[in-house]
Amino acid sequence: MRIERSRQPVQIAKRWRAVLAATIIMSAALIPATASAQDFFSFLWDGGSRSVIGFSPKYEPRQIIVSFGDKKLYWIHTRGEAISYPIAVPREQSRWQGVTSVSNKQVNPSWTPTPTMLAENPRLPRWVPGGHPMNPMGVRALYLGASAYRIHGTDAPWTIGTAVSKGCIRMYNEDVLDLYPRVPVGTKVTVTWQRFS
């Protein structure tokens, strides 16, 4: 007895690939010519989900609390109230905590991997210019003290809410654009594993 395989699954798969390709092309056509890859991914993932929440009134306004436990960054804008932003936090071997301050701010920062990053992945580029759609720093960066750590945007919005960074605090580009003008150089930043939500 001879068993013949149906060609139907193969034909269905080909049709779905064609539909997917057409959808991507049509979606890309809706984005302005000056848009970046980040804009396209934001269109797909609808990044940015900040919210205003009640917060302990013991914290002074105009400071940042980063809770690795909550996977949130809180901008205390008035006593008893904060803007909550979802973040990506450091992986287990890169965890840290402490009190620091914003030492510098940069629009479209360039990115240079650290020696540790290059040792882990020698295929990384040695430098990525600011504004490049594949720049891991995204569109804005707040530098933390004299450390190599930053609060910054990302070219990988799907990582927000996970523990993947090498020590930095990643935000959706839409959210870091909202936070950036609120935070002056010198702002106190407390990084903790304490939970607030």
N, C-alpha and C. Protein backbone atom coordinates (compact mmCIF):
# COMPACT_ATOMS: atom_id res chain seq x y z
N MET A 1 0.85 -1.19 0.00
CA MET A 1 0.00 0.00 0.00
C MET A 1 0.89 1.23 0.00
N ARG A 2 0.64 2.13 -0.88
CA ARG A 2 1.43 3.36 -1.00
C ARG A 2 0.68 4.51 -0.35
N ILE A 3 1.42 5.25 0.50
CA ILE A 3 0.80 6.39 1.17
C ILE A 3 1.32 7.66 0.52
N GLU A 4 0.41 8.48 0.06
CA GLU A 4 0.80 9.75 -0.55
C GLU A 4 0.57 10.88 0.45
N ARG A 5 1.56 11.73 0.53
CA ARG A 5 1.41 12.90 1.39
C ARG A 5 0.60 13.96 0.69
N SER A 6 -0.27 14.58 1.45
CA SER A 6 -1.08 15.66 0.88
C SER A 6 -0.21 16.89 0.69
N ARG A 7 -0.39 17.57 -0.39
CA ARG A 7 0.35 18.81 -0.63
C ARG A 7 -0.36 20.00 -0.01
N GLN A 8 -1.53 19.77 0.56
CA GLN A 8 -2.33 20.87 1.10
C GLN A 8 -1.60 21.66 2.20
N PRO A 9 -0.94 21.02 3.22
CA PRO A 9 -0.24 21.82 4.24
C PRO A 9 0.84 22.71 3.66
N VAL A 10 1.56 22.21 2.65
CA VAL A 10 2.61 23.01 2.02
C VAL A 10 2.00 24.23 1.32
N GLN A 11 0.89 24.02 0.61
CA GLN A 11 0.24 25.12 -0.09
C GLN A 11 -0.31 26.16 0.91
N ILE A 12 -0.87 25.68 2.03
CA ILE A 12 -1.38 26.61 3.05
C ILE A 12 -0.24 27.43 3.63
N ALA A 13 0.88 26.77 3.92
CA ALA A 13 2.04 27.49 4.48
C ALA A 13 2.53 28.56 3.51
N LYS A 14 2.58 28.24 2.22
CA LYS A 14 3.02 29.21 1.22
C LYS A 14 2.07 30.41 1.18
N ARG A 15 0.76 30.13 1.26
CA ARG A 15 -0.22 31.22 1.24
C ARG A 15 -0.05 32.14 2.46
N TRP A 16 0.16 31.53 3.64
CA TRP A 16 0.33 32.33 4.86
C TRP A 16 1.59 33.18 4.79
N ARG A 17 2.67 32.62 4.22
CA ARG A 17 3.90 33.42 4.06
C ARG A 17 3.65 34.61 3.15
N ALA A 18 2.89 34.39 2.09
CA ALA A 18 2.58 35.48 1.17
C ALA A 18 1.73 36.55 1.86
N VAL A 19 0.75 36.11 2.66
CA VAL A 19 -0.10 37.07 3.39
C VAL A 19 0.74 37.86 4.39
N LEU A 20 1.64 37.18 5.11
CA LEU A 20 2.50 37.85 6.08
C LEU A 20 3.40 38.87 5.38
N ALA A 21 4.01 38.48 4.26
CA ALA A 21 4.88 39.40 3.52
C ALA A 21 4.09 40.62 3.05
N ALA A 22 2.89 40.41 2.55
CA ALA A 22 2.06 41.53 2.09
C ALA A 22 1.68 42.44 3.25
N THR A 23 1.38 41.85 4.40
CA THR A 23 1.03 42.65 5.58
C THR A 23 2.19 43.53 6.02
N ILE A 24 3.40 42.96 6.04
CA ILE A 24 4.59 43.73 6.44
C ILE A 24 4.83 44.87 5.46
N ILE A 25 4.72 44.58 4.17
CA ILE A 25 4.94 45.62 3.16
C ILE A 25 3.90 46.73 3.29
N MET A 26 2.63 46.34 3.48
CA MET A 26 1.57 47.35 3.62
C MET A 26 1.76 48.17 4.90
N SER A 27 2.16 47.50 5.99
CA SER A 27 2.39 48.22 7.24
C SER A 27 3.53 49.22 7.09
N ALA A 28 4.59 48.79 6.43
CA ALA A 28 5.74 49.67 6.23
C ALA A 28 5.35 50.88 5.39
N ALA A 29 4.42 50.70 4.45
CA ALA A 29 3.98 51.80 3.59
C ALA A 29 3.24 52.86 4.39
N LEU A 30 2.67 52.50 5.53
CA LEU A 30 1.94 53.46 6.36
C LEU A 30 2.85 54.33 7.20
N ILE A 31 4.11 53.95 7.33
CA ILE A 31 5.07 54.69 8.16
C ILE A 31 5.78 55.70 7.29
N PRO A 32 5.94 56.95 7.76
CA PRO A 32 6.62 57.96 6.95
C PRO A 32 8.02 57.52 6.55
N ALA A 33 8.49 58.03 5.42
CA ALA A 33 9.81 57.64 4.90
C ALA A 33 10.93 57.95 5.86
N THR A 34 10.76 58.95 6.73
CA THR A 34 11.82 59.32 7.67
C THR A 34 11.79 58.47 8.93
N ALA A 35 10.86 57.54 9.05
CA ALA A 35 10.74 56.73 10.26
C ALA A 35 11.88 55.73 10.35
N SER A 36 12.16 55.28 11.57
CA SER A 36 13.22 54.31 11.80
C SER A 36 12.63 52.94 12.05
N ALA A 37 13.52 51.95 12.20
CA ALA A 37 13.07 50.61 12.55
C ALA A 37 12.35 50.63 13.88
N GLN A 38 12.79 51.48 14.81
CA GLN A 38 12.15 51.57 16.11
C GLN A 38 10.69 51.98 15.95
N ASP A 39 10.42 52.91 15.02
CA ASP A 39 9.03 53.33 14.79
C ASP A 39 8.19 52.15 14.32
N PHE A 40 8.76 51.31 13.45
CA PHE A 40 8.02 50.17 12.94
C PHE A 40 7.73 49.19 14.06
N PHE A 41 8.73 48.90 14.90
CA PHE A 41 8.52 47.97 16.01
C PHE A 41 7.54 48.56 17.01
N SER A 42 7.59 49.86 17.24
CA SER A 42 6.63 50.49 18.14
C SER A 42 5.22 50.33 17.60
N PHE A 43 5.09 50.43 16.27
CA PHE A 43 3.80 50.24 15.62
C PHE A 43 3.28 48.82 15.91
N LEU A 44 4.18 47.83 15.84
CA LEU A 44 3.76 46.45 16.08
C LEU A 44 3.48 46.17 17.55
N TRP A 45 4.36 46.70 18.45
CA TRP A 45 4.24 46.34 19.86
C TRP A 45 3.51 47.39 20.68
N ASP A 46 3.22 48.55 20.13
CA ASP A 46 2.53 49.62 20.85
C ASP A 46 3.21 49.90 22.18
N GLY A 47 4.53 50.17 22.11
CA GLY A 47 5.32 50.38 23.32
C GLY A 47 4.91 51.63 24.07
N GLY A 48 5.37 51.73 25.28
CA GLY A 48 5.07 52.88 26.12
C GLY A 48 3.79 52.65 26.89
N SER A 49 3.91 52.50 28.19
CA SER A 49 2.70 52.25 28.97
C SER A 49 2.85 52.86 30.36
N ARG A 50 3.23 54.13 30.40
CA ARG A 50 3.37 54.82 31.68
C ARG A 50 1.99 55.10 32.27
N SER A 51 1.98 55.27 33.60
CA SER A 51 0.72 55.62 34.25
C SER A 51 1.03 56.43 35.51
N VAL A 52 0.10 57.26 35.92
CA VAL A 52 0.23 58.04 37.14
C VAL A 52 -0.39 57.22 38.27
N ILE A 53 0.39 57.06 39.35
CA ILE A 53 -0.05 56.23 40.47
C ILE A 53 0.16 56.95 41.79
N GLY A 54 -0.54 56.52 42.83
CA GLY A 54 -0.26 56.99 44.18
C GLY A 54 1.04 56.38 44.65
N PHE A 55 1.82 57.15 45.41
CA PHE A 55 3.12 56.67 45.88
C PHE A 55 3.33 57.16 47.30
N SER A 56 4.13 56.45 48.08
CA SER A 56 4.35 56.81 49.47
C SER A 56 4.75 58.29 49.61
N PRO A 57 4.05 59.05 50.47
CA PRO A 57 4.37 60.47 50.62
C PRO A 57 5.69 60.72 51.35
N LYS A 58 6.36 59.68 51.83
CA LYS A 58 7.65 59.89 52.50
C LYS A 58 8.77 60.24 51.51
N TYR A 59 8.53 60.02 50.21
CA TYR A 59 9.55 60.33 49.20
C TYR A 59 9.38 61.75 48.67
N GLU A 60 10.49 62.48 48.67
CA GLU A 60 10.50 63.86 48.17
C GLU A 60 10.22 63.88 46.66
N PRO A 61 9.55 64.90 46.19
CA PRO A 61 9.34 65.04 44.74
C PRO A 61 10.66 65.27 43.99
N ARG A 62 10.60 65.05 42.69
CA ARG A 62 11.70 65.30 41.76
C ARG A 62 12.88 64.36 41.98
N GLN A 63 12.56 63.08 42.19
CA GLN A 63 13.58 62.05 42.27
C GLN A 63 13.08 60.80 41.55
N ILE A 64 14.03 59.91 41.23
CA ILE A 64 13.72 58.65 40.55
C ILE A 64 13.94 57.51 41.52
N ILE A 65 12.97 56.60 41.57
CA ILE A 65 13.11 55.34 42.28
C ILE A 65 13.02 54.25 41.22
N VAL A 66 14.05 53.42 41.13
CA VAL A 66 14.03 52.28 40.22
C VAL A 66 13.85 51.03 41.06
N SER A 67 12.76 50.31 40.82
CA SER A 67 12.50 49.06 41.54
C SER A 67 12.72 47.89 40.60
N PHE A 68 13.85 47.19 40.81
CA PHE A 68 14.09 45.99 40.02
C PHE A 68 13.05 44.93 40.37
N GLY A 69 12.57 44.93 41.62
CA GLY A 69 11.55 43.97 42.04
C GLY A 69 10.25 44.15 41.29
N ASP A 70 9.83 45.41 41.09
CA ASP A 70 8.59 45.71 40.36
C ASP A 70 8.80 45.74 38.85
N LYS A 71 10.07 45.84 38.42
CA LYS A 71 10.39 46.10 37.01
C LYS A 71 9.73 47.41 36.56
N LYS A 72 9.88 48.42 37.44
CA LYS A 72 9.30 49.75 37.18
C LYS A 72 10.31 50.84 37.57
N LEU A 73 10.23 51.95 36.86
CA LEU A 73 10.91 53.18 37.23
C LEU A 73 9.82 54.15 37.64
N TYR A 74 10.02 54.80 38.80
CA TYR A 74 9.04 55.76 39.31
C TYR A 74 9.66 57.16 39.33
N TRP A 75 9.02 58.09 38.65
CA TRP A 75 9.40 59.50 38.73
C TRP A 75 8.44 60.15 39.73
N ILE A 76 8.98 60.53 40.91
CA ILE A 76 8.15 61.16 41.93
C ILE A 76 8.00 62.62 41.52
N HIS A 77 6.89 62.97 40.93
CA HIS A 77 6.73 64.34 40.42
C HIS A 77 6.05 65.26 41.43
N THR A 78 5.31 64.69 42.36
CA THR A 78 4.72 65.49 43.43
C THR A 78 4.58 64.57 44.64
N ARG A 79 4.52 65.11 45.83
CA ARG A 79 4.45 64.27 47.02
C ARG A 79 3.19 63.38 46.97
N GLY A 80 3.41 62.08 47.14
CA GLY A 80 2.29 61.14 47.14
C GLY A 80 1.86 60.66 45.77
N GLU A 81 2.58 61.05 44.72
CA GLU A 81 2.20 60.66 43.37
C GLU A 81 3.44 60.48 42.50
N ALA A 82 3.40 59.48 41.64
CA ALA A 82 4.53 59.20 40.75
C ALA A 82 4.03 58.80 39.38
N ILE A 83 4.91 58.96 38.40
CA ILE A 83 4.66 58.38 37.08
C ILE A 83 5.42 57.07 37.06
N SER A 84 4.73 56.00 36.73
CA SER A 84 5.31 54.66 36.70
C SER A 84 5.60 54.25 35.26
N TYR A 85 6.83 53.81 35.01
CA TYR A 85 7.23 53.37 33.67
C TYR A 85 7.71 51.92 33.75
N PRO A 86 7.29 51.04 32.85
CA PRO A 86 7.84 49.68 32.83
C PRO A 86 9.28 49.70 32.32
N ILE A 87 10.10 48.81 32.85
CA ILE A 87 11.52 48.77 32.46
C ILE A 87 11.98 47.33 32.26
N ALA A 88 13.12 47.17 31.61
CA ALA A 88 13.86 45.91 31.62
C ALA A 88 14.95 46.08 32.67
N VAL A 89 15.20 45.03 33.44
CA VAL A 89 16.15 45.09 34.56
C VAL A 89 17.36 44.21 34.26
N PRO A 90 18.42 44.34 35.08
CA PRO A 90 19.61 43.51 34.85
C PRO A 90 19.35 42.03 35.06
N ARG A 91 20.05 41.24 34.30
CA ARG A 91 20.05 39.79 34.49
C ARG A 91 20.70 39.49 35.84
N GLU A 92 20.60 38.27 36.30
CA GLU A 92 21.03 37.91 37.65
C GLU A 92 22.49 38.27 37.92
N GLN A 93 23.40 37.98 37.00
CA GLN A 93 24.83 38.23 37.23
C GLN A 93 25.22 39.71 37.12
N SER A 94 24.29 40.56 36.72
CA SER A 94 24.58 41.99 36.57
C SER A 94 23.79 42.85 37.56
N ARG A 95 23.23 42.25 38.59
CA ARG A 95 22.39 42.99 39.53
C ARG A 95 23.21 43.92 40.41
N TRP A 96 22.61 45.04 40.76
CA TRP A 96 23.23 46.02 41.64
C TRP A 96 22.13 46.83 42.29
N GLN A 97 22.49 47.62 43.29
CA GLN A 97 21.56 48.57 43.89
C GLN A 97 22.35 49.66 44.58
N GLY A 98 21.70 50.78 44.88
CA GLY A 98 22.36 51.88 45.54
C GLY A 98 21.72 53.21 45.22
N VAL A 99 22.32 54.27 45.73
CA VAL A 99 21.83 55.63 45.50
C VAL A 99 22.89 56.36 44.69
N THR A 100 22.45 57.00 43.61
CA THR A 100 23.35 57.74 42.74
C THR A 100 22.61 58.98 42.25
N SER A 101 23.10 59.60 41.20
CA SER A 101 22.41 60.75 40.62
C SER A 101 22.64 60.77 39.12
N VAL A 102 21.80 61.55 38.45
CA VAL A 102 21.97 61.73 37.00
C VAL A 102 23.15 62.67 36.79
N SER A 103 24.20 62.15 36.16
CA SER A 103 25.42 62.94 35.96
C SER A 103 25.50 63.57 34.58
N ASN A 104 24.71 63.08 33.64
CA ASN A 104 24.74 63.60 32.28
C ASN A 104 23.47 63.14 31.57
N LYS A 105 23.12 63.83 30.51
CA LYS A 105 21.98 63.46 29.67
C LYS A 105 22.41 63.56 28.23
N GLN A 106 21.88 62.66 27.38
CA GLN A 106 22.27 62.71 25.98
C GLN A 106 21.11 62.32 25.07
N VAL A 107 20.93 63.13 24.02
CA VAL A 107 19.97 62.84 22.96
C VAL A 107 20.66 61.95 21.93
N ASN A 108 20.00 60.90 21.50
CA ASN A 108 20.55 59.95 20.53
C ASN A 108 22.00 59.58 20.86
N PRO A 109 22.21 58.95 22.01
CA PRO A 109 23.57 58.60 22.41
C PRO A 109 24.16 57.52 21.50
N SER A 110 25.46 57.59 21.30
CA SER A 110 26.15 56.49 20.61
C SER A 110 26.34 55.36 21.62
N TRP A 111 26.75 54.20 21.13
CA TRP A 111 26.94 53.04 22.02
C TRP A 111 28.24 52.35 21.71
N THR A 112 29.02 52.12 22.76
CA THR A 112 30.25 51.35 22.67
C THR A 112 30.15 50.21 23.68
N PRO A 113 30.24 48.95 23.24
CA PRO A 113 30.15 47.85 24.20
C PRO A 113 31.34 47.84 25.15
N THR A 114 31.10 47.40 26.38
CA THR A 114 32.18 47.31 27.36
C THR A 114 33.06 46.11 27.02
N PRO A 115 34.28 46.04 27.59
CA PRO A 115 35.13 44.86 27.36
C PRO A 115 34.45 43.55 27.79
N THR A 116 33.67 43.61 28.87
CA THR A 116 32.95 42.40 29.31
C THR A 116 31.94 41.96 28.26
N MET A 117 31.21 42.92 27.68
CA MET A 117 30.24 42.59 26.63
C MET A 117 30.94 41.95 25.42
N LEU A 118 32.10 42.52 25.05
CA LEU A 118 32.83 41.99 23.90
C LEU A 118 33.39 40.60 24.19
N ALA A 119 33.80 40.36 25.45
CA ALA A 119 34.28 39.02 25.82
C ALA A 119 33.15 38.00 25.72
N GLU A 120 31.94 38.41 26.11
CA GLU A 120 30.79 37.51 26.03
C GLU A 120 30.33 37.29 24.59
N ASN A 121 30.44 38.34 23.78
CA ASN A 121 29.98 38.25 22.40
C ASN A 121 30.94 39.02 21.49
N PRO A 122 32.00 38.38 21.00
CA PRO A 122 32.99 39.07 20.14
C PRO A 122 32.42 39.59 18.83
N ARG A 123 31.22 39.16 18.45
CA ARG A 123 30.62 39.60 17.18
C ARG A 123 29.91 40.96 17.29
N LEU A 124 29.87 41.52 18.50
CA LEU A 124 29.23 42.83 18.66
C LEU A 124 29.99 43.89 17.87
N PRO A 125 29.28 44.89 17.36
CA PRO A 125 30.00 46.01 16.73
C PRO A 125 30.80 46.77 17.78
N ARG A 126 31.89 47.37 17.39
CA ARG A 126 32.75 48.11 18.33
C ARG A 126 32.16 49.48 18.69
N TRP A 127 31.22 49.96 17.85
CA TRP A 127 30.60 51.26 18.08
C TRP A 127 29.36 51.36 17.21
N VAL A 128 28.29 51.94 17.75
CA VAL A 128 27.07 52.19 16.98
C VAL A 128 26.74 53.68 17.14
N PRO A 129 26.59 54.40 16.03
CA PRO A 129 26.33 55.84 16.14
C PRO A 129 24.95 56.14 16.73
N GLY A 130 24.85 57.31 17.34
CA GLY A 130 23.57 57.78 17.86
C GLY A 130 22.56 57.93 16.73
N GLY A 131 21.30 57.58 17.00
CA GLY A 131 20.26 57.70 16.00
C GLY A 131 20.13 56.49 15.10
N HIS A 132 21.07 55.57 15.16
CA HIS A 132 20.99 54.35 14.35
C HIS A 132 19.83 53.50 14.86
N PRO A 133 19.00 52.94 13.97
CA PRO A 133 17.84 52.17 14.43
C PRO A 133 18.20 50.92 15.23
N MET A 134 19.43 50.45 15.14
CA MET A 134 19.84 49.27 15.90
C MET A 134 20.76 49.63 17.07
N ASN A 135 20.68 50.88 17.51
CA ASN A 135 21.47 51.31 18.66
C ASN A 135 20.77 50.85 19.94
N PRO A 136 21.43 50.01 20.77
CA PRO A 136 20.79 49.51 21.99
C PRO A 136 20.45 50.58 23.01
N MET A 137 21.00 51.79 22.86
CA MET A 137 20.72 52.88 23.80
C MET A 137 19.43 53.62 23.48
N GLY A 138 18.85 53.35 22.31
CA GLY A 138 17.62 54.04 21.96
C GLY A 138 17.82 55.52 21.70
N VAL A 139 16.79 56.31 22.01
CA VAL A 139 16.77 57.72 21.60
C VAL A 139 17.24 58.70 22.67
N ARG A 140 17.31 58.27 23.94
CA ARG A 140 17.75 59.16 25.03
C ARG A 140 18.48 58.33 26.08
N ALA A 141 19.40 59.00 26.81
CA ALA A 141 20.11 58.32 27.90
C ALA A 141 20.33 59.28 29.06
N LEU A 142 20.11 58.77 30.26
CA LEU A 142 20.43 59.46 31.50
C LEU A 142 21.58 58.68 32.14
N TYR A 143 22.73 59.31 32.29
CA TYR A 143 23.92 58.66 32.82
C TYR A 143 23.87 58.67 34.34
N LEU A 144 24.25 57.55 34.97
CA LEU A 144 24.14 57.42 36.41
C LEU A 144 25.51 57.51 37.07
N GLY A 145 25.76 58.62 37.75
CA GLY A 145 27.01 58.83 38.46
C GLY A 145 28.21 58.65 37.55
N ALA A 146 29.29 58.03 38.10
CA ALA A 146 30.50 57.78 37.32
C ALA A 146 30.50 56.35 36.77
N SER A 147 29.39 55.64 36.91
CA SER A 147 29.31 54.25 36.47
C SER A 147 29.09 54.16 34.96
N ALA A 148 29.13 52.94 34.45
CA ALA A 148 28.80 52.69 33.05
C ALA A 148 27.30 52.46 32.86
N TYR A 149 26.53 52.60 33.93
CA TYR A 149 25.09 52.33 33.87
C TYR A 149 24.32 53.56 33.40
N ARG A 150 23.23 53.29 32.70
CA ARG A 150 22.38 54.34 32.15
C ARG A 150 20.92 53.94 32.30
N ILE A 151 20.07 54.96 32.33
CA ILE A 151 18.65 54.77 32.07
C ILE A 151 18.49 55.19 30.62
N HIS A 152 18.03 54.29 29.77
CA HIS A 152 18.02 54.63 28.34
C HIS A 152 16.89 53.92 27.61
N GLY A 153 16.67 54.34 26.38
CA GLY A 153 15.70 53.70 25.51
C GLY A 153 16.25 52.37 25.02
N THR A 154 15.63 51.81 24.00
CA THR A 154 16.07 50.51 23.50
C THR A 154 15.68 50.31 22.05
N ASP A 155 16.45 49.46 21.39
CA ASP A 155 16.07 49.03 20.04
C ASP A 155 15.34 47.69 20.10
N ALA A 156 15.08 47.18 21.32
CA ALA A 156 14.42 45.89 21.51
C ALA A 156 13.26 46.04 22.50
N PRO A 157 12.17 46.70 22.09
CA PRO A 157 11.08 46.98 23.02
C PRO A 157 10.43 45.74 23.62
N TRP A 158 10.55 44.60 22.96
CA TRP A 158 9.96 43.37 23.49
C TRP A 158 10.67 42.88 24.75
N THR A 159 11.85 43.46 25.09
CA THR A 159 12.57 43.04 26.31
C THR A 159 12.08 43.75 27.56
N ILE A 160 11.27 44.80 27.41
CA ILE A 160 10.77 45.51 28.58
C ILE A 160 9.92 44.56 29.42
N GLY A 161 10.17 44.58 30.73
CA GLY A 161 9.48 43.67 31.63
C GLY A 161 10.25 42.39 31.90
N THR A 162 11.46 42.29 31.33
CA THR A 162 12.28 41.09 31.54
C THR A 162 13.59 41.46 32.22
N ALA A 163 14.36 40.44 32.62
CA ALA A 163 15.67 40.63 33.26
C ALA A 163 16.74 40.23 32.25
N VAL A 164 17.20 41.20 31.45
CA VAL A 164 18.12 40.88 30.35
C VAL A 164 19.31 41.82 30.23
N SER A 165 19.29 42.95 30.91
CA SER A 165 20.33 43.95 30.66
C SER A 165 21.63 43.58 31.38
N LYS A 166 22.69 44.27 31.00
CA LYS A 166 24.00 44.07 31.62
C LYS A 166 24.20 45.04 32.79
N GLY A 167 23.13 45.62 33.29
CA GLY A 167 23.21 46.55 34.42
C GLY A 167 22.43 47.83 34.19
N CYS A 168 22.17 48.15 32.93
CA CYS A 168 21.41 49.37 32.62
C CYS A 168 19.92 49.16 32.84
N ILE A 169 19.20 50.28 32.83
CA ILE A 169 17.75 50.27 32.98
C ILE A 169 17.17 50.67 31.63
N ARG A 170 16.52 49.73 30.97
CA ARG A 170 15.95 49.98 29.64
C ARG A 170 14.50 50.44 29.76
N MET A 171 14.14 51.37 28.89
CA MET A 171 12.77 51.86 28.82
C MET A 171 12.30 51.82 27.36
N TYR A 172 10.98 51.78 27.17
CA TYR A 172 10.47 52.03 25.82
C TYR A 172 10.96 53.39 25.38
N ASN A 173 11.27 53.55 24.10
CA ASN A 173 11.69 54.86 23.60
C ASN A 173 10.63 55.93 23.87
N GLU A 174 9.36 55.57 23.72
CA GLU A 174 8.29 56.53 23.96
C GLU A 174 8.32 57.01 25.42
N ASP A 175 8.65 56.11 26.34
CA ASP A 175 8.67 56.47 27.76
C ASP A 175 9.90 57.27 28.13
N VAL A 176 11.06 56.92 27.57
CA VAL A 176 12.26 57.69 27.91
C VAL A 176 12.16 59.11 27.31
N LEU A 177 11.44 59.24 26.20
CA LEU A 177 11.19 60.58 25.63
C LEU A 177 10.32 61.41 26.58
N ASP A 178 9.41 60.76 27.28
CA ASP A 178 8.56 61.45 28.25
C ASP A 178 9.35 61.81 29.51
N LEU A 179 10.17 60.89 29.99
CA LEU A 179 10.93 61.11 31.22
C LEU A 179 12.04 62.14 31.05
N TYR A 180 12.74 62.09 29.95
CA TYR A 180 13.97 62.86 29.72
C TYR A 180 13.84 64.36 30.06
N PRO A 181 12.85 65.07 29.54
CA PRO A 181 12.78 66.51 29.84
C PRO A 181 12.38 66.82 31.29
N ARG A 182 11.84 65.85 32.00
CA ARG A 182 11.43 66.06 33.39
C ARG A 182 12.61 66.03 34.37
N VAL A 183 13.70 65.37 33.97
CA VAL A 183 14.78 65.03 34.90
C VAL A 183 16.01 65.89 34.64
N PRO A 184 16.35 66.80 35.56
CA PRO A 184 17.58 67.59 35.39
C PRO A 184 18.81 66.80 35.84
N VAL A 185 19.98 67.20 35.35
CA VAL A 185 21.24 66.66 35.85
C VAL A 185 21.30 66.94 37.34
N GLY A 186 21.77 65.96 38.11
CA GLY A 186 21.84 66.09 39.56
C GLY A 186 20.69 65.41 40.27
N THR A 187 19.68 64.96 39.53
CA THR A 187 18.52 64.29 40.14
C THR A 187 18.96 63.03 40.89
N LYS A 188 18.43 62.86 42.09
CA LYS A 188 18.71 61.67 42.89
C LYS A 188 18.03 60.45 42.27
N VAL A 189 18.78 59.33 42.22
CA VAL A 189 18.27 58.08 41.69
C VAL A 189 18.54 56.98 42.71
N THR A 190 17.49 56.35 43.19
CA THR A 190 17.62 55.22 44.11
C THR A 190 17.27 53.95 43.36
N VAL A 191 18.22 53.02 43.33
CA VAL A 191 18.01 51.74 42.65
C VAL A 191 17.92 50.67 43.74
N THR A 192 16.82 49.94 43.74
CA THR A 192 16.55 49.00 44.82
C THR A 192 15.81 47.77 44.29
N TRP A 193 15.84 46.70 45.09
CA TRP A 193 15.02 45.53 44.79
C TRP A 193 13.71 45.58 45.55
N GLN A 194 13.52 46.62 46.36
CA GLN A 194 12.28 46.79 47.12
C GLN A 194 11.10 46.91 46.16
N ARG A 195 9.98 46.34 46.57
CA ARG A 195 8.75 46.43 45.77
C ARG A 195 7.88 47.56 46.28
N PHE A 196 7.22 48.27 45.37
CA PHE A 196 6.33 49.37 45.73
C PHE A 196 4.91 49.12 45.24
N SER A 197 4.73 48.19 44.31
CA SER A 197 3.38 47.97 43.77
C SER A 197 2.85 46.63 44.22
